[in-house]
Amino acid sequence: MTGAPTHLVIVCCHGIWLGGPTNGHDETEWLIASFQRGETPTFMKHVRAGADVVAADKGAILCFSG
């Protein structure tokens, strides 16, 4: 991107990926509450969707909320 950003894309983060060899596909790589078990694939879809939007809009920046 050159110049000031024109759009802000915010992805709500409901868990924290701690890193690991499966790149988030293994739920044990996530810091989540017990009631969030089984939801990590959705978190990954949200990350991908935000990245796709930013990739298509050269004036956009991506922010992950806490």
PDB file of N, CA and C in Angstrom:
ATOM      1  N   MET A   1       0.848  -1.176   0.000  1.00  0.00           N
ATOM      2  CA  MET A   1       0.000   0.000   0.000  1.00  0.00           C
ATOM      3  C   MET A   1       0.888   1.232   0.000  1.00  0.00           C
ATOM      4  N   THR A   2       0.499   2.204  -0.762  1.00  0.00           N
ATOM      5  CA  THR A   2       1.181   3.491  -0.748  1.00  0.00           C
ATOM      6  C   THR A   2       0.188   4.547  -0.302  1.00  0.00           C
ATOM      7  N   GLY A   3       0.645   5.507   0.477  1.00  0.00           N
ATOM      8  CA  GLY A   3      -0.239   6.536   0.981  1.00  0.00           C
ATOM      9  C   GLY A   3      -1.015   6.072   2.200  1.00  0.00           C
ATOM     10  N   ALA A   4      -1.929   6.919   2.615  1.00  0.00           N
ATOM     11  CA  ALA A   4      -2.733   6.615   3.800  1.00  0.00           C
ATOM     12  C   ALA A   4      -3.803   5.573   3.466  1.00  0.00           C
ATOM     13  N   PRO A   5      -4.106   4.699   4.420  1.00  0.00           N
ATOM     14  CA  PRO A   5      -5.166   3.715   4.175  1.00  0.00           C
ATOM     15  C   PRO A   5      -6.516   4.398   4.020  1.00  0.00           C
ATOM     16  N   THR A   6      -7.388   3.781   3.249  1.00  0.00           N
ATOM     17  CA  THR A   6      -8.731   4.322   3.031  1.00  0.00           C
ATOM     18  C   THR A   6      -9.816   3.467   3.673  1.00  0.00           C
ATOM     19  N   HIS A   7      -9.460   2.245   4.074  1.00  0.00           N
ATOM     20  CA  HIS A   7     -10.422   1.347   4.697  1.00  0.00           C
ATOM     21  C   HIS A   7      -9.762   0.580   5.836  1.00  0.00           C
ATOM     22  N   LEU A   8     -10.531   0.331   6.872  1.00  0.00           N
ATOM     23  CA  LEU A   8     -10.083  -0.495   7.989  1.00  0.00           C
ATOM     24  C   LEU A   8     -10.970  -1.730   8.039  1.00  0.00           C
ATOM     25  N   VAL A   9     -10.347  -2.884   7.971  1.00  0.00           N
ATOM     26  CA  VAL A   9     -11.063  -4.155   8.064  1.00  0.00           C
ATOM     27  C   VAL A   9     -10.787  -4.727   9.453  1.00  0.00           C
ATOM     28  N   ILE A  10     -11.837  -4.939  10.233  1.00  0.00           N
ATOM     29  CA  ILE A  10     -11.691  -5.439  11.597  1.00  0.00           C
ATOM     30  C   ILE A  10     -12.215  -6.868  11.667  1.00  0.00           C
ATOM     31  N   VAL A  11     -11.378  -7.761  12.170  1.00  0.00           N
ATOM     32  CA  VAL A  11     -11.773  -9.151  12.399  1.00  0.00           C
ATOM     33  C   VAL A  11     -11.882  -9.351  13.906  1.00  0.00           C
ATOM     34  N   CYS A  12     -13.062  -9.713  14.363  1.00  0.00           N
ATOM     35  CA  CYS A  12     -13.257  -9.977  15.791  1.00  0.00           C
ATOM     36  C   CYS A  12     -12.592 -11.295  16.151  1.00  0.00           C
ATOM     37  N   CYS A  13     -11.743 -11.255  17.132  1.00  0.00           N
ATOM     38  CA  CYS A  13     -11.021 -12.458  17.546  1.00  0.00           C
ATOM     39  C   CYS A  13     -11.635 -12.989  18.831  1.00  0.00           C
ATOM     40  N   HIS A  14     -12.061 -14.227  18.775  1.00  0.00           N
ATOM     41  CA  HIS A  14     -12.704 -14.851  19.916  1.00  0.00           C
ATOM     42  C   HIS A  14     -11.779 -15.833  20.608  1.00  0.00           C
ATOM     43  N   GLY A  15     -10.579 -15.987  20.085  1.00  0.00           N
ATOM     44  CA  GLY A  15      -9.575 -16.877  20.647  1.00  0.00           C
ATOM     45  C   GLY A  15      -8.203 -16.403  20.213  1.00  0.00           C
ATOM     46  N   ILE A  16      -7.185 -16.937  20.831  1.00  0.00           N
ATOM     47  CA  ILE A  16      -5.811 -16.557  20.501  1.00  0.00           C
ATOM     48  C   ILE A  16      -5.083 -17.800  20.003  1.00  0.00           C
ATOM     49  N   TRP A  17      -4.568 -17.703  18.788  1.00  0.00           N
ATOM     50  CA  TRP A  17      -3.766 -18.799  18.273  1.00  0.00           C
ATOM     51  C   TRP A  17      -2.381 -18.678  18.881  1.00  0.00           C
ATOM     52  N   LEU A  18      -1.923 -19.728  19.506  1.00  0.00           N
ATOM     53  CA  LEU A  18      -0.652 -19.730  20.220  1.00  0.00           C
ATOM     54  C   LEU A  18       0.516 -20.153  19.340  1.00  0.00           C
ATOM     55  N   GLY A  19       0.233 -20.542  18.124  1.00  0.00           N
ATOM     56  CA  GLY A  19       1.266 -21.054  17.231  1.00  0.00           C
ATOM     57  C   GLY A  19       1.301 -22.564  17.310  1.00  0.00           C
ATOM     58  N   GLY A  20       1.950 -23.163  16.358  1.00  0.00           N
ATOM     59  CA  GLY A  20       2.077 -24.605  16.366  1.00  0.00           C
ATOM     60  C   GLY A  20       2.198 -25.174  14.971  1.00  0.00           C
ATOM     61  N   PRO A  21       2.565 -26.432  14.889  1.00  0.00           N
ATOM     62  CA  PRO A  21       2.856 -27.050  13.593  1.00  0.00           C
ATOM     63  C   PRO A  21       1.654 -27.228  12.676  1.00  0.00           C
ATOM     64  N   THR A  22       0.437 -27.196  13.215  1.00  0.00           N
ATOM     65  CA  THR A  22      -0.733 -27.389  12.349  1.00  0.00           C
ATOM     66  C   THR A  22      -1.329 -26.060  11.881  1.00  0.00           C
ATOM     67  N   ASN A  23      -0.689 -24.951  12.247  1.00  0.00           N
ATOM     68  CA  ASN A  23      -1.166 -23.618  11.847  1.00  0.00           C
ATOM     69  C   ASN A  23      -2.623 -23.375  12.240  1.00  0.00           C
ATOM     70  N   GLY A  24      -2.989 -23.839  13.434  1.00  0.00           N
ATOM     71  CA  GLY A  24      -4.318 -23.588  13.968  1.00  0.00           C
ATOM     72  C   GLY A  24      -5.349 -24.663  13.699  1.00  0.00           C
ATOM     73  N   HIS A  25      -5.003 -25.660  12.915  1.00  0.00           N
ATOM     74  CA  HIS A  25      -5.969 -26.722  12.622  1.00  0.00           C
ATOM     75  C   HIS A  25      -6.192 -27.640  13.818  1.00  0.00           C
ATOM     76  N   ASP A  26      -5.249 -27.689  14.733  1.00  0.00           N
ATOM     77  CA  ASP A  26      -5.402 -28.465  15.960  1.00  0.00           C
ATOM     78  C   ASP A  26      -5.872 -27.520  17.061  1.00  0.00           C
ATOM     79  N   GLU A  27      -7.000 -27.813  17.641  1.00  0.00           N
ATOM     80  CA  GLU A  27      -7.599 -26.940  18.649  1.00  0.00           C
ATOM     81  C   GLU A  27      -6.700 -26.698  19.862  1.00  0.00           C
ATOM     82  N   THR A  28      -5.773 -27.611  20.133  1.00  0.00           N
ATOM     83  CA  THR A  28      -4.874 -27.425  21.278  1.00  0.00           C
ATOM     84  C   THR A  28      -3.906 -26.265  21.071  1.00  0.00           C
ATOM     85  N   GLU A  29      -3.820 -25.754  19.852  1.00  0.00           N
ATOM     86  CA  GLU A  29      -2.958 -24.601  19.580  1.00  0.00           C
ATOM     87  C   GLU A  29      -3.645 -23.276  19.898  1.00  0.00           C
ATOM     88  N   TRP A  30      -4.853 -23.330  20.389  1.00  0.00           N
ATOM     89  CA  TRP A  30      -5.638 -22.119  20.654  1.00  0.00           C
ATOM     90  C   TRP A  30      -5.852 -21.908  22.146  1.00  0.00           C
ATOM     91  N   LEU A  31      -5.856 -20.637  22.536  1.00  0.00           N
ATOM     92  CA  LEU A  31      -6.252 -20.253  23.887  1.00  0.00           C
ATOM     93  C   LEU A  31      -7.722 -19.844  23.786  1.00  0.00           C
ATOM     94  N   ILE A  32      -8.609 -20.733  24.258  1.00  0.00           N
ATOM     95  CA  ILE A  32     -10.047 -20.500  24.171  1.00  0.00           C
ATOM     96  C   ILE A  32     -10.703 -20.948  25.469  1.00  0.00           C
ATOM     97  N   ALA A  33     -11.917 -20.476  25.664  1.00  0.00           N
ATOM     98  CA  ALA A  33     -12.711 -20.915  26.814  1.00  0.00           C
ATOM     99  C   ALA A  33     -13.313 -22.285  26.508  1.00  0.00           C
ATOM    100  N   SER A  34     -13.682 -23.009  27.546  1.00  0.00           N
ATOM    101  CA  SER A  34     -14.201 -24.361  27.357  1.00  0.00           C
ATOM    102  C   SER A  34     -15.459 -24.383  26.489  1.00  0.00           C
ATOM    103  N   PHE A  35     -16.287 -23.352  26.566  1.00  0.00           N
ATOM    104  CA  PHE A  35     -17.515 -23.339  25.767  1.00  0.00           C
ATOM    105  C   PHE A  35     -17.247 -23.073  24.286  1.00  0.00           C
ATOM    106  N   GLN A  36     -16.003 -22.750  23.931  1.00  0.00           N
ATOM    107  CA  GLN A  36     -15.652 -22.477  22.538  1.00  0.00           C
ATOM    108  C   GLN A  36     -15.097 -23.705  21.806  1.00  0.00           C
ATOM    109  N   ARG A  37     -15.060 -24.825  22.471  1.00  0.00           N
ATOM    110  CA  ARG A  37     -14.563 -26.046  21.835  1.00  0.00           C
ATOM    111  C   ARG A  37     -15.345 -26.311  20.552  1.00  0.00           C
ATOM    112  N   GLY A  38     -14.622 -26.645  19.508  1.00  0.00           N
ATOM    113  CA  GLY A  38     -15.248 -26.928  18.222  1.00  0.00           C
ATOM    114  C   GLY A  38     -15.438 -25.709  17.340  1.00  0.00           C
ATOM    115  N   GLU A  39     -15.137 -24.512  17.840  1.00  0.00           N
ATOM    116  CA  GLU A  39     -15.370 -23.287  17.084  1.00  0.00           C
ATOM    117  C   GLU A  39     -14.131 -22.760  16.367  1.00  0.00           C
ATOM    118  N   THR A  40     -12.965 -23.346  16.612  1.00  0.00           N
ATOM    119  CA  THR A  40     -11.744 -22.788  16.023  1.00  0.00           C
ATOM    120  C   THR A  40     -11.742 -22.789  14.492  1.00  0.00           C
ATOM    121  N   PRO A  41     -12.385 -23.738  13.803  1.00  0.00           N
ATOM    122  CA  PRO A  41     -12.443 -23.607  12.337  1.00  0.00           C
ATOM    123  C   PRO A  41     -13.138 -22.310  11.897  1.00  0.00           C
ATOM    124  N   THR A  42     -14.123 -21.886  12.658  1.00  0.00           N
ATOM    125  CA  THR A  42     -14.800 -20.624  12.344  1.00  0.00           C
ATOM    126  C   THR A  42     -13.856 -19.448  12.532  1.00  0.00           C
ATOM    127  N   PHE A  43     -13.041 -19.472  13.583  1.00  0.00           N
ATOM    128  CA  PHE A  43     -12.071 -18.397  13.807  1.00  0.00           C
ATOM    129  C   PHE A  43     -11.125 -18.297  12.613  1.00  0.00           C
ATOM    130  N   MET A  44     -10.678 -19.439  12.128  1.00  0.00           N
ATOM    131  CA  MET A  44      -9.762 -19.450  10.992  1.00  0.00           C
ATOM    132  C   MET A  44     -10.434 -18.917   9.724  1.00  0.00           C
ATOM    133  N   LYS A  45     -11.711 -19.218   9.548  1.00  0.00           N
ATOM    134  CA  LYS A  45     -12.448 -18.688   8.392  1.00  0.00           C
ATOM    135  C   LYS A  45     -12.551 -17.169   8.469  1.00  0.00           C
ATOM    136  N   HIS A  46     -12.739 -16.633   9.673  1.00  0.00           N
ATOM    137  CA  HIS A  46     -12.812 -15.181   9.838  1.00  0.00           C
ATOM    138  C   HIS A  46     -11.477 -14.528   9.482  1.00  0.00           C
ATOM    139  N   VAL A  47     -10.379 -15.131   9.908  1.00  0.00           N
ATOM    140  CA  VAL A  47      -9.051 -14.603   9.578  1.00  0.00           C
ATOM    141  C   VAL A  47      -8.859 -14.597   8.064  1.00  0.00           C
ATOM    142  N   ARG A  48      -9.192 -15.708   7.411  1.00  0.00           N
ATOM    143  CA  ARG A  48      -9.050 -15.795   5.955  1.00  0.00           C
ATOM    144  C   ARG A  48      -9.921 -14.765   5.247  1.00  0.00           C
ATOM    145  N   ALA A  49     -11.140 -14.586   5.716  1.00  0.00           N
ATOM    146  CA  ALA A  49     -12.047 -13.627   5.083  1.00  0.00           C
ATOM    147  C   ALA A  49     -11.496 -12.212   5.179  1.00  0.00           C
ATOM    148  N   GLY A  50     -10.970 -11.842   6.342  1.00  0.00           N
ATOM    149  CA  GLY A  50     -10.367 -10.525   6.496  1.00  0.00           C
ATOM    150  C   GLY A  50      -9.168 -10.344   5.586  1.00  0.00           C
ATOM    151  N   ALA A  51      -8.329 -11.363   5.501  1.00  0.00           N
ATOM    152  CA  ALA A  51      -7.153 -11.291   4.623  1.00  0.00           C
ATOM    153  C   ALA A  51      -7.567 -11.180   3.161  1.00  0.00           C
ATOM    154  N   ASP A  52      -8.613 -11.876   2.768  1.00  0.00           N
ATOM    155  CA  ASP A  52      -9.097 -11.798   1.386  1.00  0.00           C
ATOM    156  C   ASP A  52      -9.591 -10.399   1.049  1.00  0.00           C
ATOM    157  N   VAL A  53     -10.313  -9.783   1.975  1.00  0.00           N
ATOM    158  CA  VAL A  53     -10.822  -8.432   1.740  1.00  0.00           C
ATOM    159  C   VAL A  53      -9.659  -7.453   1.565  1.00  0.00           C
ATOM    160  N   VAL A  54      -8.666  -7.563   2.424  1.00  0.00           N
ATOM    161  CA  VAL A  54      -7.514  -6.654   2.354  1.00  0.00           C
ATOM    162  C   VAL A  54      -6.699  -6.905   1.081  1.00  0.00           C
ATOM    163  N   ALA A  55      -6.582  -8.151   0.678  1.00  0.00           N
ATOM    164  CA  ALA A  55      -5.839  -8.471  -0.543  1.00  0.00           C
ATOM    165  C   ALA A  55      -6.504  -7.857  -1.779  1.00  0.00           C
ATOM    166  N   ALA A  56      -7.825  -7.739  -1.738  1.00  0.00           N
ATOM    167  CA  ALA A  56      -8.564  -7.189  -2.870  1.00  0.00           C
ATOM    168  C   ALA A  56      -8.658  -5.664  -2.841  1.00  0.00           C
ATOM    169  N   ASP A  57      -8.293  -5.048  -1.742  1.00  0.00           N
ATOM    170  CA  ASP A  57      -8.406  -3.600  -1.583  1.00  0.00           C
ATOM    171  C   ASP A  57      -7.061  -3.056  -1.131  1.00  0.00           C
ATOM    172  N   LYS A  58      -6.305  -2.528  -2.047  1.00  0.00           N
ATOM    173  CA  LYS A  58      -4.943  -2.062  -1.740  1.00  0.00           C
ATOM    174  C   LYS A  58      -4.911  -0.861  -0.797  1.00  0.00           C
ATOM    175  N   GLY A  59      -6.057  -0.255  -0.534  1.00  0.00           N
ATOM    176  CA  GLY A  59      -6.121   0.853   0.406  1.00  0.00           C
ATOM    177  C   GLY A  59      -6.537   0.436   1.798  1.00  0.00           C
ATOM    178  N   ALA A  60      -6.718  -0.858   2.008  1.00  0.00           N
ATOM    179  CA  ALA A  60      -7.221  -1.352   3.283  1.00  0.00           C
ATOM    180  C   ALA A  60      -6.099  -1.867   4.180  1.00  0.00           C
ATOM    181  N   ILE A  61      -6.337  -1.775   5.481  1.00  0.00           N
ATOM    182  CA  ILE A  61      -5.453  -2.392   6.465  1.00  0.00           C
ATOM    183  C   ILE A  61      -6.304  -3.317   7.338  1.00  0.00           C
ATOM    184  N   LEU A  62      -5.651  -4.313   7.919  1.00  0.00           N
ATOM    185  CA  LEU A  62      -6.346  -5.332   8.682  1.00  0.00           C
ATOM    186  C   LEU A  62      -6.028  -5.195  10.165  1.00  0.00           C
ATOM    187  N   CYS A  63      -7.067  -5.269  10.985  1.00  0.00           N
ATOM    188  CA  CYS A  63      -6.924  -5.170  12.434  1.00  0.00           C
ATOM    189  C   CYS A  63      -7.658  -6.351  13.070  1.00  0.00           C
ATOM    190  N   PHE A  64      -6.992  -7.015  14.004  1.00  0.00           N
ATOM    191  CA  PHE A  64      -7.633  -8.080  14.770  1.00  0.00           C
ATOM    192  C   PHE A  64      -7.975  -7.526  16.136  1.00  0.00           C
ATOM    193  N   SER A  65      -9.268  -7.571  16.486  1.00  0.00           N
ATOM    194  CA  SER A  65      -9.685  -7.042  17.781  1.00  0.00           C
ATOM    195  C   SER A  65      -9.500  -8.092  18.861  1.00  0.00           C
ATOM    196  N   GLY A  66      -9.444  -7.633  20.073  1.00  0.00           N
ATOM    197  CA  GLY A  66      -9.235  -8.537  21.193  1.00  0.00           C
ATOM    198  C   GLY A  66     -10.510  -8.895  21.873  1.00  0.00           C
TER     199      GLY A  66
END
